[in-house]
């Protein structure tokens, strides 16, 4: 087999592997999209179900919900939704785990093209930050917002539309 034939064969194998990976990803994404998770709290008085994105799709109260006051019901709904969302997120990660494993088995461009740099280290997608589950205006949220806001370097002009005297 000549070098040219070998290169074509290698490229064909890579393209076939890529096509297989795309079919696998499509199937796994369908499985993930069909996920739901439910969580019950306060002795099963409140049950919340979420879809694969963590969006609440159903909330149920059992007949003993009257034993709770409104603040307890509100807290229970939030707690159950957070538990269900955490469960569906973990199940989604578990379903998609084979994609990462397959990606690590595919040859790198630098393996196929001599002298080509290995860009996989530079092109890693950063991990998203952990999303807060704290309620609005809670100390945790206020501290995070304060850290995220850049401080203005220029003082506001007097007499401008943003002046508090307006």
Protein backbone atom coordinates (compact mmCIF):
# COMPACT_ATOMS: atom_id res chain seq x y z
CA UNK A 1 0.00 0.00 0.00
CA UNK A 2 1.47 3.38 -0.97
CA UNK A 3 1.64 6.35 1.38
CA UNK A 4 -1.12 8.06 -0.58
CA UNK A 5 -3.40 5.01 -0.39
CA UNK A 6 -2.66 4.69 3.32
CA UNK A 7 -3.52 8.37 3.87
CA UNK A 8 -6.84 7.95 1.99
CA UNK A 9 -7.62 4.85 4.04
CA UNK A 10 -6.83 6.70 7.29
CA UNK A 11 -8.96 9.67 6.26
CA UNK A 12 -11.81 7.33 5.31
CA UNK A 13 -11.59 5.68 8.74
CA UNK A 14 -11.63 9.07 10.46
CA UNK A 15 -14.67 10.23 8.48
CA UNK A 16 -16.47 6.98 9.22
CA UNK A 17 -15.66 7.37 12.92
CA UNK A 18 -16.88 10.95 12.84
CA UNK A 19 -20.16 9.90 11.19
CA UNK A 20 -20.63 7.18 13.81
CA UNK A 21 -19.97 9.71 16.57
CA UNK A 22 -22.55 12.11 15.10
CA UNK A 23 -25.16 9.33 14.99
CA UNK A 24 -24.36 8.43 18.59
CA UNK A 25 -24.58 12.07 19.70
CA UNK A 26 -27.95 12.47 17.95
CA UNK A 27 -29.34 9.36 19.65
CA UNK A 28 -27.99 10.35 23.08
CA UNK A 29 -29.39 13.87 22.71
CA UNK A 30 -32.82 12.37 21.98
CA UNK A 31 -32.56 10.20 25.08
CA UNK A 32 -31.49 13.19 27.17
CA UNK A 33 -34.32 15.36 25.78
CA UNK A 34 -36.87 12.76 26.93
CA UNK A 35 -35.64 12.85 30.53
CA UNK A 36 -37.78 14.00 33.42
CA UNK A 37 -37.15 13.88 37.14
CA UNK A 38 -39.41 14.37 40.13
CA UNK A 39 -38.70 15.19 43.74
CA UNK A 40 -41.05 15.13 46.71
CA UNK A 41 -40.50 17.03 49.94
CA UNK A 42 -42.27 17.71 53.22
CA UNK A 43 -43.43 14.14 53.63
CA UNK A 44 -44.50 14.02 49.97
CA UNK A 45 -46.89 16.95 50.38
CA UNK A 46 -45.17 18.73 47.46
CA UNK A 47 -43.90 17.02 44.31
CA UNK A 48 -42.25 18.87 41.44
CA UNK A 49 -41.34 17.36 38.06
CA UNK A 50 -38.84 18.97 35.68
CA UNK A 51 -37.86 18.28 32.07
CA UNK A 52 -34.34 17.67 30.76
CA UNK A 53 -33.57 21.40 30.90
CA UNK A 54 -34.63 21.63 34.55
CA UNK A 55 -37.82 23.53 33.69
CA UNK A 56 -40.72 22.79 36.00
CA UNK A 57 -43.38 20.93 34.04
CA UNK A 58 -45.64 19.81 36.87
CA UNK A 59 -46.28 20.66 40.51
CA UNK A 60 -48.53 18.51 42.69
CA UNK A 61 -49.76 18.87 46.28
CA UNK A 62 -51.14 15.96 48.23
CA UNK A 63 -54.23 16.21 50.43
CA UNK A 64 -52.16 17.16 53.50
CA UNK A 65 -50.81 20.38 51.94
CA UNK A 66 -53.11 22.38 54.24
CA UNK A 67 -50.81 21.40 57.12
CA UNK A 68 -48.22 23.82 55.66
CA UNK A 69 -48.44 27.60 55.65
CA UNK A 70 -47.74 29.64 52.50
CA UNK A 71 -44.06 30.32 53.23
CA UNK A 72 -43.51 26.60 53.90
CA UNK A 73 -45.27 25.68 50.63
CA UNK A 74 -43.18 28.19 48.69
CA UNK A 75 -39.96 26.88 50.24
CA UNK A 76 -41.04 23.28 49.56
CA UNK A 77 -41.73 24.00 45.89
CA UNK A 78 -38.31 25.61 45.50
CA UNK A 79 -36.56 22.76 47.31
CA UNK A 80 -38.33 20.05 45.30
CA UNK A 81 -37.63 21.85 42.00
CA UNK A 82 -33.93 22.16 42.87
CA UNK A 83 -33.67 18.49 43.82
CA UNK A 84 -35.43 17.38 40.64
CA UNK A 85 -33.27 19.68 38.49
CA UNK A 86 -30.08 18.34 40.09
CA UNK A 87 -31.22 14.76 39.44
CA UNK A 88 -32.13 15.37 35.78
CA UNK A 89 -28.84 17.22 35.21
CA UNK A 90 -26.85 14.28 36.59
CA UNK A 91 -28.81 11.78 34.52
CA UNK A 92 -28.21 13.95 31.44
CA UNK A 93 -24.45 14.01 32.12
CA UNK A 94 -24.50 10.23 32.56
CA UNK A 95 -26.27 9.76 29.22
CA UNK A 96 -23.82 12.03 27.37
CA UNK A 97 -20.67 10.57 29.03
CA UNK A 98 -19.95 8.18 26.10
CA UNK A 99 -19.52 11.19 23.81
CA UNK A 100 -16.52 12.37 25.83
CA UNK A 101 -15.08 8.87 25.98
CA UNK A 102 -15.40 8.45 22.18
CA UNK A 103 -13.90 11.88 21.52
CA UNK A 104 -10.82 10.91 23.52
CA UNK A 105 -10.36 7.78 21.37
CA UNK A 106 -10.40 9.59 18.02
CA UNK A 107 -6.99 10.47 16.57
CA UNK A 108 -5.85 14.05 16.85
CA UNK A 109 -5.10 16.14 13.79
CA UNK A 110 -1.48 16.26 14.91
CA UNK A 111 -1.39 12.43 14.70
CA UNK A 112 -2.41 12.56 11.04
CA UNK A 113 -0.58 15.60 9.76
CA UNK A 114 3.10 15.70 10.71
CA UNK A 115 4.10 19.01 12.26
CA UNK A 116 0.51 20.07 12.99
CA UNK A 117 0.25 21.39 16.55
CA UNK A 118 -2.06 19.63 19.01
CA UNK A 119 -4.79 22.21 19.48
CA UNK A 120 -6.92 20.09 21.80
CA UNK A 121 -5.22 21.57 24.87
CA UNK A 122 -5.76 25.15 23.74
CA UNK A 123 -9.33 24.64 22.52
CA UNK A 124 -10.85 23.12 25.64
CA UNK A 125 -14.23 24.52 26.46
CA UNK A 126 -14.13 26.06 29.93
CA UNK A 127 -16.42 24.64 32.57
CA UNK A 128 -19.45 26.83 33.13
CA UNK A 129 -19.73 28.42 36.56
CA UNK A 130 -21.97 26.82 39.14
CA UNK A 131 -25.38 28.46 38.91
CA UNK A 132 -26.71 29.77 42.19
CA UNK A 133 -29.91 28.35 43.61
CA UNK A 134 -30.17 31.17 46.15
CA UNK A 135 -33.34 33.25 45.97
CA UNK A 136 -33.30 36.79 44.58
CA UNK A 137 -31.91 39.46 46.93
CA UNK A 138 -30.32 36.81 49.17
CA UNK A 139 -26.86 37.65 50.60
CA UNK A 140 -25.25 35.07 48.27
CA UNK A 141 -26.80 36.64 45.14
CA UNK A 142 -26.04 40.19 46.23
CA UNK A 143 -22.39 39.28 46.90
CA UNK A 144 -22.08 37.57 43.50
CA UNK A 145 -23.65 40.55 41.70
CA UNK A 146 -21.34 42.97 43.49
CA UNK A 147 -18.31 40.92 42.40
CA UNK A 148 -19.53 40.74 38.77
CA UNK A 149 -20.21 44.45 38.29
CA UNK A 150 -17.23 46.41 36.99
CA UNK A 151 -16.58 49.56 38.94
CA UNK A 152 -17.03 52.71 36.93
CA UNK A 153 -13.81 54.58 36.33
CA UNK A 154 -15.58 57.81 35.38
CA UNK A 155 -17.74 59.70 37.86
CA UNK A 156 -21.23 60.54 36.57
CA UNK A 157 -21.62 64.02 35.08
CA UNK A 158 -23.73 66.47 37.03
CA UNK A 159 -26.85 67.43 35.15
CA UNK A 160 -26.89 64.27 33.04
CA UNK A 161 -30.03 62.19 32.56
CA UNK A 162 -28.69 59.65 35.03
CA UNK A 163 -28.17 62.28 37.72
CA UNK A 164 -30.30 61.44 40.77
CA UNK A 165 -31.57 65.03 40.74
CA UNK A 166 -33.73 64.35 37.71
